[in-house]
């Protein structure tokens, strides 16, 4: 499990055994990003925000944090399976080099 503290007291955790990134604040789960990792590509399959926390951009925060960690490691490409993740990459063309070629 890898944890990173983000701005505003958020904690991003890569829960490798559950194949998901979680975003928590004050110990509460806020948003989740599920993935599948085949050793070469990480397929980001579903971004989800707990309903009471929706509308504050937290799904974008968890995706941004996960992409930053994947980029820092430098050993995987990203497959944007989830529509939200695909939209996030469309809004951040500077990260397009991380996407797996189809």
N, C-alpha and C. Protein backbone atom coordinates (compact mmCIF):
# COMPACT_ATOMS: atom_id res chain seq x y z
N UNK A 1 0.85 -1.17 0.00
CA UNK A 1 0.00 0.00 0.00
C UNK A 1 0.90 1.23 0.00
N UNK A 2 0.65 2.13 -0.93
CA UNK A 2 1.41 3.36 -1.04
C UNK A 2 0.49 4.53 -0.73
N UNK A 3 0.92 5.43 0.16
CA UNK A 3 0.12 6.60 0.51
C UNK A 3 0.84 7.87 0.13
N UNK A 4 0.07 8.84 -0.34
CA UNK A 4 0.58 10.17 -0.64
C UNK A 4 -0.38 11.19 -0.04
N UNK A 5 0.16 12.19 0.63
CA UNK A 5 -0.68 13.25 1.16
C UNK A 5 -0.76 14.36 0.12
N UNK A 6 -1.99 14.74 -0.20
CA UNK A 6 -2.23 15.79 -1.19
C UNK A 6 -2.62 17.07 -0.47
N UNK A 7 -2.80 18.12 -1.23
CA UNK A 7 -3.23 19.41 -0.66
C UNK A 7 -4.57 19.25 0.06
N UNK A 8 -4.84 20.09 0.98
CA UNK A 8 -6.10 20.15 1.71
C UNK A 8 -6.37 18.91 2.57
N UNK A 9 -5.32 18.18 2.95
CA UNK A 9 -5.49 17.06 3.86
C UNK A 9 -6.01 15.78 3.24
N UNK A 10 -6.06 15.70 1.93
CA UNK A 10 -6.48 14.47 1.27
C UNK A 10 -5.33 13.48 1.26
N UNK A 11 -5.67 12.20 1.36
CA UNK A 11 -4.67 11.14 1.27
C UNK A 11 -5.05 10.22 0.12
N UNK A 12 -4.11 10.03 -0.82
CA UNK A 12 -4.28 9.12 -1.94
C UNK A 12 -3.52 7.84 -1.60
N UNK A 13 -4.22 6.72 -1.68
CA UNK A 13 -3.61 5.44 -1.34
C UNK A 13 -3.77 4.48 -2.51
N UNK A 14 -2.66 3.83 -2.89
CA UNK A 14 -2.72 2.77 -3.89
C UNK A 14 -2.88 1.46 -3.11
N UNK A 15 -4.08 0.94 -3.10
CA UNK A 15 -4.36 -0.32 -2.41
C UNK A 15 -4.15 -1.45 -3.42
N UNK A 16 -2.90 -1.85 -3.58
CA UNK A 16 -2.53 -2.82 -4.61
C UNK A 16 -3.30 -4.13 -4.48
N UNK A 17 -3.53 -4.59 -3.25
CA UNK A 17 -4.24 -5.86 -3.06
C UNK A 17 -5.70 -5.78 -3.49
N UNK A 18 -6.27 -4.59 -3.53
CA UNK A 18 -7.65 -4.38 -3.97
C UNK A 18 -7.71 -3.79 -5.38
N UNK A 19 -6.55 -3.53 -5.98
CA UNK A 19 -6.45 -2.93 -7.33
C UNK A 19 -7.27 -1.66 -7.44
N UNK A 20 -7.00 -0.74 -6.50
CA UNK A 20 -7.71 0.54 -6.54
C UNK A 20 -6.90 1.62 -5.83
N UNK A 21 -7.12 2.84 -6.30
CA UNK A 21 -6.63 4.03 -5.60
C UNK A 21 -7.81 4.57 -4.81
N UNK A 22 -7.55 5.01 -3.59
CA UNK A 22 -8.61 5.63 -2.80
C UNK A 22 -8.17 7.03 -2.41
N UNK A 23 -9.16 7.90 -2.31
CA UNK A 23 -8.95 9.26 -1.85
C UNK A 23 -9.75 9.41 -0.56
N UNK A 24 -9.05 9.73 0.53
CA UNK A 24 -9.71 9.91 1.81
C UNK A 24 -9.38 11.29 2.37
N UNK A 25 -10.27 11.75 3.24
CA UNK A 25 -10.04 13.00 3.96
C UNK A 25 -10.61 12.82 5.36
N UNK A 26 -9.80 13.12 6.34
CA UNK A 26 -10.20 12.95 7.74
C UNK A 26 -10.71 11.53 8.00
N UNK A 27 -10.06 10.55 7.37
CA UNK A 27 -10.41 9.15 7.58
C UNK A 27 -11.63 8.67 6.83
N UNK A 28 -12.28 9.54 6.07
CA UNK A 28 -13.48 9.16 5.32
C UNK A 28 -13.14 8.91 3.86
N UNK A 29 -13.67 7.80 3.32
CA UNK A 29 -13.51 7.51 1.91
C UNK A 29 -14.33 8.50 1.10
N UNK A 30 -13.66 9.15 0.13
CA UNK A 30 -14.31 10.17 -0.69
C UNK A 30 -14.50 9.68 -2.12
N UNK A 31 -13.44 9.09 -2.70
CA UNK A 31 -13.48 8.68 -4.10
C UNK A 31 -12.58 7.48 -4.32
N UNK A 32 -12.89 6.69 -5.37
CA UNK A 32 -12.17 5.46 -5.67
C UNK A 32 -11.87 5.42 -7.17
N UNK A 33 -10.71 4.88 -7.53
CA UNK A 33 -10.37 4.62 -8.92
C UNK A 33 -9.89 3.18 -9.02
N UNK A 34 -10.70 2.32 -9.64
CA UNK A 34 -10.35 0.91 -9.81
C UNK A 34 -9.42 0.75 -11.01
N UNK A 35 -8.56 -0.26 -10.94
CA UNK A 35 -7.65 -0.52 -12.05
C UNK A 35 -7.32 -2.00 -12.18
N UNK A 36 -6.79 -2.35 -13.35
CA UNK A 36 -6.21 -3.67 -13.61
C UNK A 36 -4.79 -3.44 -14.12
N UNK A 37 -3.84 -4.13 -13.55
CA UNK A 37 -2.43 -3.96 -13.91
C UNK A 37 -1.89 -5.28 -14.44
N UNK A 38 -1.50 -5.30 -15.72
CA UNK A 38 -0.98 -6.54 -16.30
C UNK A 38 0.55 -6.56 -16.37
N UNK A 39 1.19 -5.58 -15.73
CA UNK A 39 2.65 -5.53 -15.73
C UNK A 39 3.23 -4.59 -16.78
N UNK A 40 2.45 -4.25 -17.79
CA UNK A 40 2.88 -3.31 -18.82
C UNK A 40 1.93 -2.12 -18.92
N UNK A 41 0.64 -2.40 -18.67
CA UNK A 41 -0.40 -1.39 -18.81
C UNK A 41 -1.29 -1.41 -17.57
N UNK A 42 -1.67 -0.23 -17.13
CA UNK A 42 -2.66 -0.11 -16.07
C UNK A 42 -3.95 0.38 -16.72
N UNK A 43 -4.97 -0.47 -16.69
CA UNK A 43 -6.28 -0.10 -17.21
C UNK A 43 -7.05 0.56 -16.07
N UNK A 44 -7.36 1.84 -16.23
CA UNK A 44 -8.14 2.57 -15.23
C UNK A 44 -9.60 2.34 -15.59
N UNK A 45 -10.28 1.51 -14.80
CA UNK A 45 -11.56 0.95 -15.21
C UNK A 45 -12.80 1.66 -14.67
N UNK A 46 -12.68 2.32 -13.49
CA UNK A 46 -13.88 2.96 -12.94
C UNK A 46 -13.49 4.00 -11.92
N UNK A 47 -13.96 5.22 -12.12
CA UNK A 47 -13.81 6.29 -11.14
C UNK A 47 -15.17 6.48 -10.48
N UNK A 48 -15.17 6.57 -9.16
CA UNK A 48 -16.42 6.66 -8.42
C UNK A 48 -16.23 7.57 -7.22
N UNK A 49 -17.19 8.46 -7.00
CA UNK A 49 -17.18 9.32 -5.83
C UNK A 49 -18.41 8.96 -4.97
N UNK A 50 -18.19 8.85 -3.68
CA UNK A 50 -19.28 8.57 -2.75
C UNK A 50 -20.34 9.67 -2.94
N UNK A 51 -21.62 9.30 -3.08
CA UNK A 51 -22.66 10.29 -3.44
C UNK A 51 -22.67 11.57 -2.59
N UNK A 52 -22.44 11.47 -1.30
CA UNK A 52 -22.49 12.70 -0.47
C UNK A 52 -21.34 13.65 -0.76
N UNK A 53 -20.30 13.18 -1.47
CA UNK A 53 -19.15 14.03 -1.77
C UNK A 53 -19.10 14.48 -3.24
N UNK A 54 -20.09 14.10 -4.02
CA UNK A 54 -20.08 14.43 -5.45
C UNK A 54 -20.21 15.93 -5.67
N UNK A 55 -19.69 16.38 -6.82
CA UNK A 55 -19.83 17.77 -7.21
C UNK A 55 -18.69 18.66 -6.76
N UNK A 56 -17.63 18.08 -6.22
CA UNK A 56 -16.49 18.87 -5.74
C UNK A 56 -15.19 18.56 -6.49
N UNK A 57 -15.26 17.74 -7.54
CA UNK A 57 -14.07 17.44 -8.33
C UNK A 57 -13.18 16.36 -7.75
N UNK A 58 -13.68 15.57 -6.81
CA UNK A 58 -12.84 14.57 -6.16
C UNK A 58 -12.44 13.42 -7.09
N UNK A 59 -13.31 13.06 -8.03
CA UNK A 59 -12.94 12.02 -9.00
C UNK A 59 -11.74 12.51 -9.82
N UNK A 60 -11.75 13.77 -10.19
CA UNK A 60 -10.61 14.34 -10.90
C UNK A 60 -9.35 14.33 -10.05
N UNK A 61 -9.49 14.56 -8.76
CA UNK A 61 -8.35 14.54 -7.86
C UNK A 61 -7.74 13.15 -7.76
N UNK A 62 -8.59 12.12 -7.64
CA UNK A 62 -8.06 10.76 -7.54
C UNK A 62 -7.42 10.32 -8.86
N UNK A 63 -8.01 10.71 -9.99
CA UNK A 63 -7.42 10.37 -11.29
C UNK A 63 -6.09 11.10 -11.46
N UNK A 64 -6.05 12.38 -11.15
CA UNK A 64 -4.81 13.16 -11.27
C UNK A 64 -3.70 12.56 -10.40
N UNK A 65 -4.03 12.19 -9.18
CA UNK A 65 -3.04 11.60 -8.29
C UNK A 65 -2.54 10.26 -8.78
N UNK A 66 -3.45 9.43 -9.26
CA UNK A 66 -3.05 8.12 -9.79
C UNK A 66 -2.16 8.27 -11.02
N UNK A 67 -2.56 9.16 -11.93
CA UNK A 67 -1.77 9.38 -13.14
C UNK A 67 -0.38 9.91 -12.78
N UNK A 68 -0.30 10.79 -11.80
CA UNK A 68 1.00 11.32 -11.37
C UNK A 68 1.89 10.19 -10.82
N UNK A 69 1.32 9.28 -10.04
CA UNK A 69 2.11 8.16 -9.52
C UNK A 69 2.56 7.23 -10.63
N UNK A 70 1.66 6.94 -11.58
CA UNK A 70 2.00 6.07 -12.71
C UNK A 70 3.11 6.71 -13.54
N UNK A 71 2.99 8.00 -13.78
CA UNK A 71 4.00 8.73 -14.54
C UNK A 71 5.34 8.72 -13.82
N UNK A 72 5.31 8.92 -12.52
CA UNK A 72 6.55 8.95 -11.73
C UNK A 72 7.27 7.60 -11.77
N UNK A 73 6.51 6.53 -11.69
CA UNK A 73 7.12 5.19 -11.77
C UNK A 73 7.73 4.96 -13.14
N UNK A 74 7.05 5.40 -14.18
CA UNK A 74 7.59 5.36 -15.53
C UNK A 74 7.67 3.99 -16.18
N UNK A 75 7.02 2.98 -15.61
CA UNK A 75 7.14 1.63 -16.16
C UNK A 75 5.84 1.07 -16.72
N UNK A 76 4.80 1.91 -16.83
CA UNK A 76 3.51 1.44 -17.32
C UNK A 76 2.89 2.49 -18.24
N UNK A 77 2.08 2.00 -19.16
CA UNK A 77 1.19 2.86 -19.95
C UNK A 77 -0.19 2.79 -19.32
N UNK A 78 -1.05 3.72 -19.69
CA UNK A 78 -2.41 3.78 -19.15
C UNK A 78 -3.40 3.46 -20.25
N UNK A 79 -4.39 2.63 -19.91
CA UNK A 79 -5.52 2.38 -20.79
C UNK A 79 -6.74 3.01 -20.11
N UNK A 80 -7.26 4.07 -20.70
CA UNK A 80 -8.37 4.83 -20.11
C UNK A 80 -9.69 4.13 -20.46
N UNK A 81 -10.03 3.07 -19.73
CA UNK A 81 -11.25 2.30 -19.98
C UNK A 81 -12.48 3.08 -19.52
N UNK A 82 -12.41 3.69 -18.37
CA UNK A 82 -13.52 4.46 -17.80
C UNK A 82 -13.74 5.75 -18.59
N UNK A 83 -15.00 6.07 -18.88
CA UNK A 83 -15.30 7.29 -19.65
C UNK A 83 -14.77 8.53 -18.94
N UNK A 84 -14.85 8.55 -17.61
CA UNK A 84 -14.40 9.73 -16.87
C UNK A 84 -12.89 9.91 -17.03
N UNK A 85 -12.16 8.81 -16.96
CA UNK A 85 -10.70 8.87 -17.13
C UNK A 85 -10.36 9.32 -18.55
N UNK A 86 -11.08 8.80 -19.54
CA UNK A 86 -10.86 9.23 -20.94
C UNK A 86 -11.11 10.73 -21.09
N UNK A 87 -12.17 11.22 -20.46
CA UNK A 87 -12.45 12.66 -20.51
C UNK A 87 -11.35 13.46 -19.81
N UNK A 88 -10.83 12.92 -18.70
CA UNK A 88 -9.76 13.59 -17.97
C UNK A 88 -8.52 13.72 -18.86
N UNK A 89 -8.18 12.65 -19.57
CA UNK A 89 -7.03 12.72 -20.48
C UNK A 89 -7.28 13.69 -21.63
N UNK A 90 -8.51 13.78 -22.12
CA UNK A 90 -8.84 14.76 -23.16
C UNK A 90 -8.63 16.18 -22.67
N UNK A 91 -8.91 16.42 -21.40
CA UNK A 91 -8.73 17.75 -20.81
C UNK A 91 -7.29 18.02 -20.41
N UNK A 92 -6.43 16.99 -20.44
CA UNK A 92 -5.02 17.12 -20.06
C UNK A 92 -4.13 16.51 -21.15
N UNK A 93 -4.12 17.13 -22.34
CA UNK A 93 -3.36 16.56 -23.46
C UNK A 93 -1.86 16.44 -23.17
N UNK A 94 -1.36 17.18 -22.19
CA UNK A 94 0.06 17.08 -21.83
C UNK A 94 0.41 15.71 -21.24
N UNK A 95 -0.60 14.92 -20.89
CA UNK A 95 -0.39 13.58 -20.33
C UNK A 95 -0.63 12.48 -21.36
N UNK A 96 -0.92 12.85 -22.59
CA UNK A 96 -1.28 11.87 -23.63
C UNK A 96 -0.17 10.85 -23.89
N UNK A 97 1.07 11.18 -23.62
CA UNK A 97 2.16 10.24 -23.87
C UNK A 97 2.08 9.02 -22.94
N UNK A 98 1.30 9.12 -21.87
CA UNK A 98 1.12 7.98 -20.96
C UNK A 98 0.12 6.96 -21.48
N UNK A 99 -0.72 7.36 -22.45
CA UNK A 99 -1.75 6.47 -22.94
C UNK A 99 -1.19 5.37 -23.81
N UNK A 100 -1.76 4.19 -23.64
CA UNK A 100 -1.37 3.04 -24.46
C UNK A 100 -1.82 3.28 -25.89
N UNK A 101 -0.99 2.93 -26.84
CA UNK A 101 -1.36 3.05 -28.26
C UNK A 101 -2.33 1.95 -28.61
N UNK A 102 -3.29 2.30 -29.42
CA UNK A 102 -4.29 1.27 -29.83
C UNK A 102 -4.07 0.90 -31.26
